[in-house]
Amino acid sequence: MSEHSADRPGEVDVVLVKAGRTKIRYTGELLTDDGTRVAVRAPWAGSGVRDFGFVRFEPGDVFTEYYWRDRWYAVKEVRSATGTLKGWYCDITRPAVRSGPELVVEDLDLDLWRSADGTDVRRLDEDEFADSGLSETDPEAAAAALAALDELEALARGGDFAALLA
């Protein structure tokens, strides 16, 4: 990312932090920021293909990402290069913080996947979350993370998931 990103309106640097270190940083197009929710569109920021078995993220994929300042999660709509909806990858995070050209999000290890047709909803990385020690070091954050995962799962399984992104 160029040091001049603040001079480029409509762009934001998404900084994903995990365990106190920057896990990934990439530039996205700022779609909206209403003061509570920030929406960003960005190409797949990983290198090469990431095959989870139930979905593949690959070069050309486009992510429309929704972050909240008052919720403990981020929802990422994933589309192929041709525009086909693959599904939604949801990260459990601390509430997002935007400062100038940066949107900083702290990943708390828990994730949720919802397929495009809604038939495949799965909780991910619960073992990583347990191993993170967050329940011991910050029990309030751990409780908020688990509550956020439960909320997202309920929405993904039959609640009004689409309303989150409207």
N, C-alpha and C. Protein backbone atom coordinates (compact mmCIF):
# COMPACT_ATOMS: atom_id res chain seq x y z
N MET A 1 0.84 -1.18 0.00
CA MET A 1 0.00 0.00 0.00
C MET A 1 0.87 1.23 0.00
N SER A 2 0.49 2.15 -0.80
CA SER A 2 1.23 3.41 -0.89
C SER A 2 1.02 4.25 0.35
N GLU A 3 2.01 4.99 0.70
CA GLU A 3 1.86 5.89 1.84
C GLU A 3 0.90 7.02 1.54
N HIS A 4 0.48 7.14 0.29
CA HIS A 4 -0.42 8.23 -0.12
C HIS A 4 -1.87 7.82 -0.12
N SER A 5 -2.24 6.73 0.52
CA SER A 5 -3.62 6.25 0.46
C SER A 5 -4.60 7.29 0.99
N ALA A 6 -4.21 8.10 1.95
CA ALA A 6 -5.12 9.11 2.48
C ALA A 6 -5.47 10.14 1.42
N ASP A 7 -4.62 10.26 0.40
CA ASP A 7 -4.87 11.21 -0.69
C ASP A 7 -5.77 10.62 -1.77
N ARG A 8 -6.15 9.36 -1.63
CA ARG A 8 -6.97 8.70 -2.63
C ARG A 8 -8.35 8.43 -2.05
N PRO A 9 -9.29 9.37 -2.25
CA PRO A 9 -10.63 9.18 -1.71
C PRO A 9 -11.25 7.90 -2.27
N GLY A 10 -12.04 7.26 -1.44
CA GLY A 10 -12.69 6.04 -1.89
C GLY A 10 -11.90 4.78 -1.63
N GLU A 11 -10.70 4.92 -1.10
CA GLU A 11 -9.90 3.74 -0.77
C GLU A 11 -9.66 3.69 0.73
N VAL A 12 -9.51 2.47 1.22
CA VAL A 12 -9.22 2.26 2.63
C VAL A 12 -8.27 1.07 2.75
N ASP A 13 -7.36 1.14 3.69
CA ASP A 13 -6.48 0.01 4.00
C ASP A 13 -7.16 -0.82 5.09
N VAL A 14 -7.47 -2.06 4.78
CA VAL A 14 -8.01 -2.98 5.77
C VAL A 14 -6.83 -3.67 6.44
N VAL A 15 -6.77 -3.56 7.76
CA VAL A 15 -5.67 -4.14 8.53
C VAL A 15 -6.26 -5.16 9.48
N LEU A 16 -5.98 -6.44 9.21
CA LEU A 16 -6.47 -7.51 10.06
C LEU A 16 -5.37 -7.89 11.05
N VAL A 17 -5.68 -7.71 12.32
CA VAL A 17 -4.73 -7.97 13.39
C VAL A 17 -5.14 -9.25 14.10
N LYS A 18 -4.16 -10.07 14.45
CA LYS A 18 -4.43 -11.31 15.19
C LYS A 18 -3.32 -11.49 16.21
N ALA A 19 -3.70 -11.67 17.45
CA ALA A 19 -2.74 -11.86 18.54
C ALA A 19 -1.71 -10.73 18.59
N GLY A 20 -2.17 -9.50 18.34
CA GLY A 20 -1.31 -8.34 18.46
C GLY A 20 -0.42 -8.05 17.27
N ARG A 21 -0.52 -8.88 16.21
CA ARG A 21 0.33 -8.66 15.04
C ARG A 21 -0.54 -8.53 13.79
N THR A 22 -0.06 -7.77 12.83
CA THR A 22 -0.78 -7.63 11.57
C THR A 22 -0.71 -8.95 10.81
N LYS A 23 -1.89 -9.54 10.57
CA LYS A 23 -1.98 -10.80 9.84
C LYS A 23 -1.98 -10.53 8.33
N ILE A 24 -2.75 -9.53 7.91
CA ILE A 24 -2.81 -9.16 6.50
C ILE A 24 -3.25 -7.71 6.40
N ARG A 25 -2.80 -7.06 5.36
CA ARG A 25 -3.16 -5.67 5.08
C ARG A 25 -3.38 -5.56 3.58
N TYR A 26 -4.51 -4.97 3.21
CA TYR A 26 -4.81 -4.83 1.79
C TYR A 26 -5.66 -3.59 1.57
N THR A 27 -5.69 -3.13 0.33
CA THR A 27 -6.45 -1.95 -0.04
C THR A 27 -7.78 -2.36 -0.63
N GLY A 28 -8.83 -1.68 -0.19
CA GLY A 28 -10.15 -1.93 -0.74
C GLY A 28 -10.82 -0.62 -1.12
N GLU A 29 -11.89 -0.75 -1.87
CA GLU A 29 -12.69 0.40 -2.26
C GLU A 29 -13.72 0.64 -1.16
N LEU A 30 -13.70 1.84 -0.59
CA LEU A 30 -14.67 2.19 0.44
C LEU A 30 -16.01 2.43 -0.24
N LEU A 31 -17.00 1.60 0.07
CA LEU A 31 -18.32 1.73 -0.53
C LEU A 31 -19.21 2.65 0.29
N THR A 32 -19.26 2.42 1.60
CA THR A 32 -20.06 3.26 2.50
C THR A 32 -19.46 3.24 3.89
N ASP A 33 -19.73 4.31 4.62
CA ASP A 33 -19.41 4.39 6.05
C ASP A 33 -20.47 5.29 6.66
N ASP A 34 -21.43 4.66 7.33
CA ASP A 34 -22.53 5.43 7.91
C ASP A 34 -22.30 5.81 9.37
N GLY A 35 -21.06 5.57 9.83
CA GLY A 35 -20.74 5.87 11.22
C GLY A 35 -20.82 4.65 12.12
N THR A 36 -21.58 3.64 11.70
CA THR A 36 -21.69 2.39 12.44
C THR A 36 -21.15 1.22 11.63
N ARG A 37 -21.56 1.15 10.37
CA ARG A 37 -21.14 0.06 9.50
C ARG A 37 -20.30 0.61 8.35
N VAL A 38 -19.21 -0.09 8.06
CA VAL A 38 -18.32 0.25 6.95
C VAL A 38 -18.39 -0.89 5.94
N ALA A 39 -18.58 -0.54 4.67
CA ALA A 39 -18.58 -1.55 3.61
C ALA A 39 -17.41 -1.27 2.67
N VAL A 40 -16.69 -2.33 2.34
CA VAL A 40 -15.48 -2.26 1.52
C VAL A 40 -15.55 -3.36 0.46
N ARG A 41 -15.09 -3.07 -0.75
CA ARG A 41 -14.97 -4.10 -1.78
C ARG A 41 -13.50 -4.25 -2.11
N ALA A 42 -13.06 -5.51 -2.16
CA ALA A 42 -11.65 -5.77 -2.44
C ALA A 42 -11.50 -7.12 -3.13
N PRO A 43 -10.47 -7.25 -3.97
CA PRO A 43 -10.18 -8.56 -4.54
C PRO A 43 -9.59 -9.47 -3.47
N TRP A 44 -9.67 -10.77 -3.71
CA TRP A 44 -9.05 -11.76 -2.82
C TRP A 44 -7.62 -11.33 -2.54
N ALA A 45 -7.31 -11.14 -1.27
CA ALA A 45 -6.01 -10.60 -0.88
C ALA A 45 -4.97 -11.68 -0.58
N GLY A 46 -5.38 -12.92 -0.58
CA GLY A 46 -4.44 -14.00 -0.33
C GLY A 46 -3.58 -14.28 -1.55
N SER A 47 -2.54 -15.04 -1.34
CA SER A 47 -1.70 -15.43 -2.47
C SER A 47 -2.15 -16.81 -2.94
N GLY A 48 -2.44 -16.93 -4.22
CA GLY A 48 -2.85 -18.21 -4.77
C GLY A 48 -4.26 -18.61 -4.33
N VAL A 49 -4.49 -19.91 -4.29
CA VAL A 49 -5.80 -20.47 -3.98
C VAL A 49 -5.81 -20.95 -2.53
N ARG A 50 -6.92 -20.71 -1.85
CA ARG A 50 -7.11 -21.27 -0.50
C ARG A 50 -8.34 -22.16 -0.56
N ASP A 51 -8.12 -23.46 -0.47
CA ASP A 51 -9.20 -24.44 -0.59
C ASP A 51 -9.56 -24.94 0.80
N PHE A 52 -10.77 -24.60 1.24
CA PHE A 52 -11.24 -25.02 2.55
C PHE A 52 -11.96 -26.37 2.49
N GLY A 53 -12.15 -26.90 1.29
CA GLY A 53 -12.91 -28.14 1.13
C GLY A 53 -14.37 -27.85 0.79
N PHE A 54 -14.95 -26.87 1.43
CA PHE A 54 -16.34 -26.49 1.17
C PHE A 54 -16.44 -25.24 0.30
N VAL A 55 -15.34 -24.51 0.13
CA VAL A 55 -15.27 -23.34 -0.75
C VAL A 55 -13.80 -23.09 -1.07
N ARG A 56 -13.58 -22.52 -2.26
CA ARG A 56 -12.22 -22.12 -2.67
C ARG A 56 -12.20 -20.62 -2.86
N PHE A 57 -11.22 -19.97 -2.24
CA PHE A 57 -10.95 -18.56 -2.52
C PHE A 57 -9.78 -18.54 -3.48
N GLU A 58 -9.92 -17.75 -4.55
CA GLU A 58 -8.88 -17.78 -5.58
C GLU A 58 -8.74 -16.43 -6.24
N PRO A 59 -7.61 -16.22 -6.91
CA PRO A 59 -7.42 -14.96 -7.61
C PRO A 59 -8.63 -14.66 -8.50
N GLY A 60 -9.05 -13.40 -8.49
CA GLY A 60 -10.22 -12.99 -9.25
C GLY A 60 -11.47 -12.90 -8.41
N ASP A 61 -11.51 -13.60 -7.27
CA ASP A 61 -12.66 -13.50 -6.38
C ASP A 61 -12.77 -12.08 -5.85
N VAL A 62 -13.99 -11.64 -5.63
CA VAL A 62 -14.25 -10.30 -5.12
C VAL A 62 -15.02 -10.42 -3.80
N PHE A 63 -14.52 -9.72 -2.80
CA PHE A 63 -15.12 -9.73 -1.47
C PHE A 63 -15.77 -8.38 -1.21
N THR A 64 -17.05 -8.39 -0.86
CA THR A 64 -17.71 -7.19 -0.35
C THR A 64 -17.82 -7.41 1.14
N GLU A 65 -17.12 -6.58 1.90
CA GLU A 65 -16.91 -6.81 3.32
C GLU A 65 -17.65 -5.76 4.14
N TYR A 66 -18.32 -6.24 5.17
CA TYR A 66 -19.10 -5.37 6.06
C TYR A 66 -18.51 -5.46 7.47
N TYR A 67 -18.16 -4.30 8.01
CA TYR A 67 -17.57 -4.20 9.35
C TYR A 67 -18.43 -3.27 10.19
N TRP A 68 -18.56 -3.59 11.46
CA TRP A 68 -19.34 -2.76 12.36
C TRP A 68 -18.49 -2.22 13.49
N ARG A 69 -18.80 -1.02 13.91
CA ARG A 69 -18.13 -0.41 15.06
C ARG A 69 -18.79 -0.84 16.38
N ASP A 70 -19.97 -1.45 16.29
CA ASP A 70 -20.71 -1.82 17.49
C ASP A 70 -21.05 -3.30 17.56
N ARG A 71 -20.47 -4.10 16.68
CA ARG A 71 -20.73 -5.55 16.69
C ARG A 71 -19.41 -6.29 16.65
N TRP A 72 -19.45 -7.52 17.11
CA TRP A 72 -18.24 -8.32 17.25
C TRP A 72 -18.05 -9.28 16.08
N TYR A 73 -18.35 -8.81 14.87
CA TYR A 73 -18.12 -9.64 13.69
C TYR A 73 -18.02 -8.79 12.44
N ALA A 74 -17.52 -9.45 11.38
CA ALA A 74 -17.45 -8.89 10.03
C ALA A 74 -18.02 -9.95 9.09
N VAL A 75 -18.78 -9.52 8.10
CA VAL A 75 -19.39 -10.44 7.13
C VAL A 75 -18.82 -10.11 5.76
N LYS A 76 -18.33 -11.13 5.08
CA LYS A 76 -17.69 -10.95 3.78
C LYS A 76 -18.43 -11.77 2.72
N GLU A 77 -19.09 -11.06 1.81
CA GLU A 77 -19.75 -11.73 0.69
C GLU A 77 -18.67 -12.07 -0.33
N VAL A 78 -18.66 -13.32 -0.79
CA VAL A 78 -17.61 -13.79 -1.69
C VAL A 78 -18.23 -14.15 -3.04
N ARG A 79 -17.69 -13.53 -4.09
CA ARG A 79 -18.14 -13.82 -5.46
C ARG A 79 -16.95 -14.21 -6.31
N SER A 80 -17.21 -15.07 -7.27
CA SER A 80 -16.16 -15.46 -8.21
C SER A 80 -15.88 -14.30 -9.16
N ALA A 81 -14.85 -14.45 -9.97
CA ALA A 81 -14.50 -13.43 -10.94
C ALA A 81 -15.64 -13.16 -11.93
N THR A 82 -16.50 -14.16 -12.14
CA THR A 82 -17.63 -13.99 -13.06
C THR A 82 -18.87 -13.43 -12.36
N GLY A 83 -18.77 -13.20 -11.04
CA GLY A 83 -19.89 -12.62 -10.31
C GLY A 83 -20.78 -13.63 -9.61
N THR A 84 -20.48 -14.92 -9.75
CA THR A 84 -21.28 -15.95 -9.08
C THR A 84 -21.07 -15.90 -7.57
N LEU A 85 -22.17 -15.84 -6.82
CA LEU A 85 -22.08 -15.81 -5.37
C LEU A 85 -21.62 -17.17 -4.85
N LYS A 86 -20.53 -17.17 -4.08
CA LYS A 86 -20.03 -18.39 -3.45
C LYS A 86 -20.64 -18.55 -2.05
N GLY A 87 -20.78 -17.43 -1.35
CA GLY A 87 -21.32 -17.48 0.01
C GLY A 87 -20.77 -16.34 0.83
N TRP A 88 -20.88 -16.50 2.15
CA TRP A 88 -20.44 -15.47 3.09
C TRP A 88 -19.49 -16.08 4.10
N TYR A 89 -18.34 -15.46 4.24
CA TYR A 89 -17.36 -15.85 5.25
C TYR A 89 -17.44 -14.79 6.34
N CYS A 90 -17.71 -15.23 7.55
CA CYS A 90 -17.89 -14.30 8.67
C CYS A 90 -16.76 -14.48 9.68
N ASP A 91 -16.12 -13.39 10.01
CA ASP A 91 -15.06 -13.39 11.02
C ASP A 91 -15.62 -12.84 12.32
N ILE A 92 -15.32 -13.50 13.41
CA ILE A 92 -15.65 -12.95 14.72
C ILE A 92 -14.46 -12.06 15.10
N THR A 93 -14.77 -10.79 15.38
CA THR A 93 -13.75 -9.78 15.61
C THR A 93 -14.18 -8.85 16.73
N ARG A 94 -13.25 -8.09 17.22
CA ARG A 94 -13.64 -6.95 18.05
C ARG A 94 -14.27 -5.92 17.11
N PRO A 95 -15.07 -5.01 17.64
CA PRO A 95 -15.62 -3.97 16.77
C PRO A 95 -14.52 -3.25 16.00
N ALA A 96 -14.82 -2.92 14.74
CA ALA A 96 -13.85 -2.29 13.84
C ALA A 96 -13.56 -0.85 14.27
N VAL A 97 -12.35 -0.41 13.97
CA VAL A 97 -11.93 0.96 14.25
C VAL A 97 -11.41 1.56 12.96
N ARG A 98 -12.00 2.68 12.54
CA ARG A 98 -11.51 3.36 11.34
C ARG A 98 -10.85 4.66 11.76
N SER A 99 -9.62 4.82 11.30
CA SER A 99 -8.86 6.03 11.57
C SER A 99 -8.25 6.48 10.26
N GLY A 100 -8.80 7.53 9.69
CA GLY A 100 -8.30 8.02 8.41
C GLY A 100 -8.40 6.95 7.36
N PRO A 101 -7.28 6.63 6.72
CA PRO A 101 -7.31 5.67 5.62
C PRO A 101 -7.27 4.21 6.07
N GLU A 102 -7.25 3.97 7.39
CA GLU A 102 -7.14 2.59 7.88
C GLU A 102 -8.41 2.13 8.59
N LEU A 103 -8.75 0.88 8.32
CA LEU A 103 -9.82 0.19 9.03
C LEU A 103 -9.15 -1.00 9.72
N VAL A 104 -9.08 -0.94 11.04
CA VAL A 104 -8.37 -1.97 11.80
C VAL A 104 -9.39 -2.90 12.46
N VAL A 105 -9.16 -4.20 12.26
CA VAL A 105 -10.06 -5.21 12.78
C VAL A 105 -9.22 -6.29 13.47
N GLU A 106 -9.59 -6.63 14.71
CA GLU A 106 -8.87 -7.68 15.43
C GLU A 106 -9.62 -9.00 15.35
N ASP A 107 -9.02 -9.97 14.69
CA ASP A 107 -9.58 -11.31 14.49
C ASP A 107 -9.50 -12.08 15.80
N LEU A 108 -10.63 -12.69 16.20
CA LEU A 108 -10.66 -13.46 17.44
C LEU A 108 -10.75 -14.96 17.20
N ASP A 109 -10.32 -15.41 16.04
CA ASP A 109 -10.15 -16.82 15.68
C ASP A 109 -11.41 -17.55 15.28
N LEU A 110 -12.58 -17.17 15.75
CA LEU A 110 -13.81 -17.86 15.39
C LEU A 110 -14.32 -17.37 14.04
N ASP A 111 -14.87 -18.28 13.24
CA ASP A 111 -15.41 -17.93 11.94
C ASP A 111 -16.70 -18.72 11.69
N LEU A 112 -17.45 -18.24 10.71
CA LEU A 112 -18.67 -18.92 10.29
C LEU A 112 -18.74 -18.85 8.77
N TRP A 113 -19.16 -19.92 8.14
CA TRP A 113 -19.38 -19.95 6.69
C TRP A 113 -20.85 -20.20 6.43
N ARG A 114 -21.39 -19.49 5.45
CA ARG A 114 -22.76 -19.73 4.95
C ARG A 114 -22.67 -19.78 3.44
N SER A 115 -23.08 -20.92 2.87
CA SER A 115 -23.04 -21.08 1.41
C SER A 115 -24.07 -20.18 0.75
N ALA A 116 -23.92 -19.98 -0.55
CA ALA A 116 -24.80 -19.09 -1.30
C ALA A 116 -26.27 -19.50 -1.18
N ASP A 117 -26.53 -20.80 -1.16
CA ASP A 117 -27.92 -21.27 -1.08
C ASP A 117 -28.40 -21.43 0.36
N GLY A 118 -27.53 -21.17 1.33
CA GLY A 118 -27.90 -21.24 2.73
C GLY A 118 -28.00 -22.63 3.33
N THR A 119 -27.67 -23.66 2.55
CA THR A 119 -27.80 -25.03 3.06
C THR A 119 -26.59 -25.49 3.87
N ASP A 120 -25.47 -24.81 3.70
CA ASP A 120 -24.24 -25.18 4.42
C ASP A 120 -23.85 -24.03 5.33
N VAL A 121 -24.11 -24.21 6.61
CA VAL A 121 -23.71 -23.23 7.63
C VAL A 121 -22.81 -23.97 8.59
N ARG A 122 -21.60 -23.47 8.76
CA ARG A 122 -20.66 -24.18 9.65
C ARG A 122 -19.82 -23.21 10.47
N ARG A 123 -19.65 -23.59 11.73
CA ARG A 123 -18.76 -22.87 12.64
C ARG A 123 -17.35 -23.37 12.37
N LEU A 124 -16.39 -22.43 12.38
CA LEU A 124 -15.02 -22.78 12.05
C LEU A 124 -14.06 -22.29 13.13
N ASP A 125 -12.97 -23.00 13.28
CA ASP A 125 -11.83 -22.58 14.10
C ASP A 125 -12.12 -22.47 15.59
N GLU A 126 -13.10 -23.23 16.07
CA GLU A 126 -13.37 -23.21 17.51
C GLU A 126 -12.19 -23.73 18.31
N ASP A 127 -11.41 -24.63 17.72
CA ASP A 127 -10.21 -25.14 18.38
C ASP A 127 -9.16 -24.04 18.51
N GLU A 128 -9.00 -23.23 17.47
CA GLU A 128 -8.05 -22.12 17.53
C GLU A 128 -8.47 -21.12 18.60
N PHE A 129 -9.76 -20.87 18.69
CA PHE A 129 -10.27 -19.94 19.69
C PHE A 129 -9.97 -20.47 21.10
N ALA A 130 -10.22 -21.74 21.32
CA ALA A 130 -9.95 -22.35 22.63
C ALA A 130 -8.46 -22.26 22.96
N ASP A 131 -7.61 -22.49 21.95
CA ASP A 131 -6.17 -22.45 22.15
C ASP A 131 -5.62 -21.04 22.33
N SER A 132 -6.40 -20.03 21.92
CA SER A 132 -5.91 -18.65 21.97
C SER A 132 -5.73 -18.14 23.40
N GLY A 133 -6.45 -18.74 24.35
CA GLY A 133 -6.36 -18.31 25.74
C GLY A 133 -7.19 -17.07 26.06
N LEU A 134 -7.98 -16.60 25.10
CA LEU A 134 -8.76 -15.39 25.32
C LEU A 134 -9.74 -15.54 26.49
N SER A 135 -10.26 -16.73 26.68
CA SER A 135 -11.19 -16.96 27.79
C SER A 135 -10.55 -16.67 29.14
N GLU A 136 -9.23 -16.87 29.23
CA GLU A 136 -8.51 -16.60 30.47
C GLU A 136 -8.01 -15.15 30.54
N THR A 137 -7.52 -14.64 29.42
CA THR A 137 -6.91 -13.30 29.44
C THR A 137 -7.93 -12.18 29.33
N ASP A 138 -9.05 -12.44 28.67
CA ASP A 138 -10.09 -11.41 28.50
C ASP A 138 -11.45 -12.09 28.42
N PRO A 139 -11.95 -12.57 29.57
CA PRO A 139 -13.20 -13.34 29.57
C PRO A 139 -14.39 -12.58 29.00
N GLU A 140 -14.43 -11.26 29.17
CA GLU A 140 -15.54 -10.48 28.61
C GLU A 140 -15.50 -10.50 27.09
N ALA A 141 -14.32 -10.36 26.51
CA ALA A 141 -14.19 -10.41 25.05
C ALA A 141 -14.52 -11.81 24.54
N ALA A 142 -14.08 -12.84 25.25
CA ALA A 142 -14.38 -14.21 24.85
C ALA A 142 -15.89 -14.46 24.85
N ALA A 143 -16.57 -13.97 25.87
CA ALA A 143 -18.02 -14.14 25.95
C ALA A 143 -18.71 -13.38 24.81
N ALA A 144 -18.24 -12.18 24.51
CA ALA A 144 -18.81 -11.39 23.42
C ALA A 144 -18.57 -12.09 22.08
N ALA A 145 -17.41 -12.69 21.90
CA ALA A 145 -17.10 -13.41 20.66
C ALA A 145 -18.02 -14.61 20.48
N LEU A 146 -18.21 -15.38 21.53
CA LEU A 146 -19.08 -16.55 21.43
C LEU A 146 -20.54 -16.15 21.20
N ALA A 147 -20.97 -15.07 21.84
CA ALA A 147 -22.33 -14.57 21.62
C ALA A 147 -22.50 -14.10 20.17
N ALA A 148 -21.47 -13.46 19.61
CA ALA A 148 -21.53 -13.00 18.22
C ALA A 148 -21.62 -14.19 17.26
N LEU A 149 -20.86 -15.24 17.54
CA LEU A 149 -20.92 -16.43 16.70
C LEU A 149 -22.31 -17.07 16.76
N ASP A 150 -22.88 -17.15 17.94
CA ASP A 150 -24.24 -17.70 18.09
C ASP A 150 -25.26 -16.86 17.33
N GLU A 151 -25.12 -15.52 17.42
CA GLU A 151 -26.03 -14.62 16.73
C GLU A 151 -25.94 -14.81 15.21
N LEU A 152 -24.72 -14.83 14.69
CA LEU A 152 -24.53 -15.02 13.24
C LEU A 152 -25.06 -16.37 12.78
N GLU A 153 -24.80 -17.41 13.56
CA GLU A 153 -25.27 -18.73 13.18
C GLU A 153 -26.79 -18.76 13.12
N ALA A 154 -27.45 -18.17 14.10
CA ALA A 154 -28.91 -18.13 14.11
C ALA A 154 -29.44 -17.38 12.88
N LEU A 155 -28.82 -16.26 12.55
CA LEU A 155 -29.23 -15.50 11.36
C LEU A 155 -28.99 -16.31 10.09
N ALA A 156 -27.84 -16.98 10.02
CA ALA A 156 -27.48 -17.74 8.82
C ALA A 156 -28.37 -18.97 8.64
N ARG A 157 -28.88 -19.52 9.74
CA ARG A 157 -29.70 -20.74 9.65
C ARG A 157 -31.18 -20.46 9.46
N GLY A 158 -31.59 -19.22 9.47
CA GLY A 158 -33.03 -19.02 9.28
C GLY A 158 -33.50 -17.65 9.72
N GLY A 159 -32.60 -16.91 10.29
CA GLY A 159 -32.97 -15.55 10.64
C GLY A 159 -32.86 -14.68 9.40
N ASP A 160 -32.91 -13.41 9.58
CA ASP A 160 -32.86 -12.49 8.44
C ASP A 160 -31.42 -12.08 8.14
N PHE A 161 -30.64 -13.03 7.63
CA PHE A 161 -29.23 -12.81 7.34
C PHE A 161 -29.05 -11.66 6.34
N ALA A 162 -29.91 -11.61 5.33
CA ALA A 162 -29.80 -10.58 4.30
C ALA A 162 -29.97 -9.17 4.87
N ALA A 163 -30.72 -9.04 5.96
CA ALA A 163 -30.94 -7.72 6.56
C ALA A 163 -29.64 -7.11 7.09
N LEU A 164 -28.70 -7.96 7.47
CA LEU A 164 -27.40 -7.46 7.95
C LEU A 164 -26.70 -6.62 6.88
N LEU A 165 -26.91 -6.99 5.64
CA LEU A 165 -26.14 -6.40 4.55
C LEU A 165 -26.94 -5.39 3.73
N ALA A 166 -28.19 -5.22 4.08
CA ALA A 166 -29.06 -4.29 3.32
C ALA A 166 -28.69 -2.85 3.61
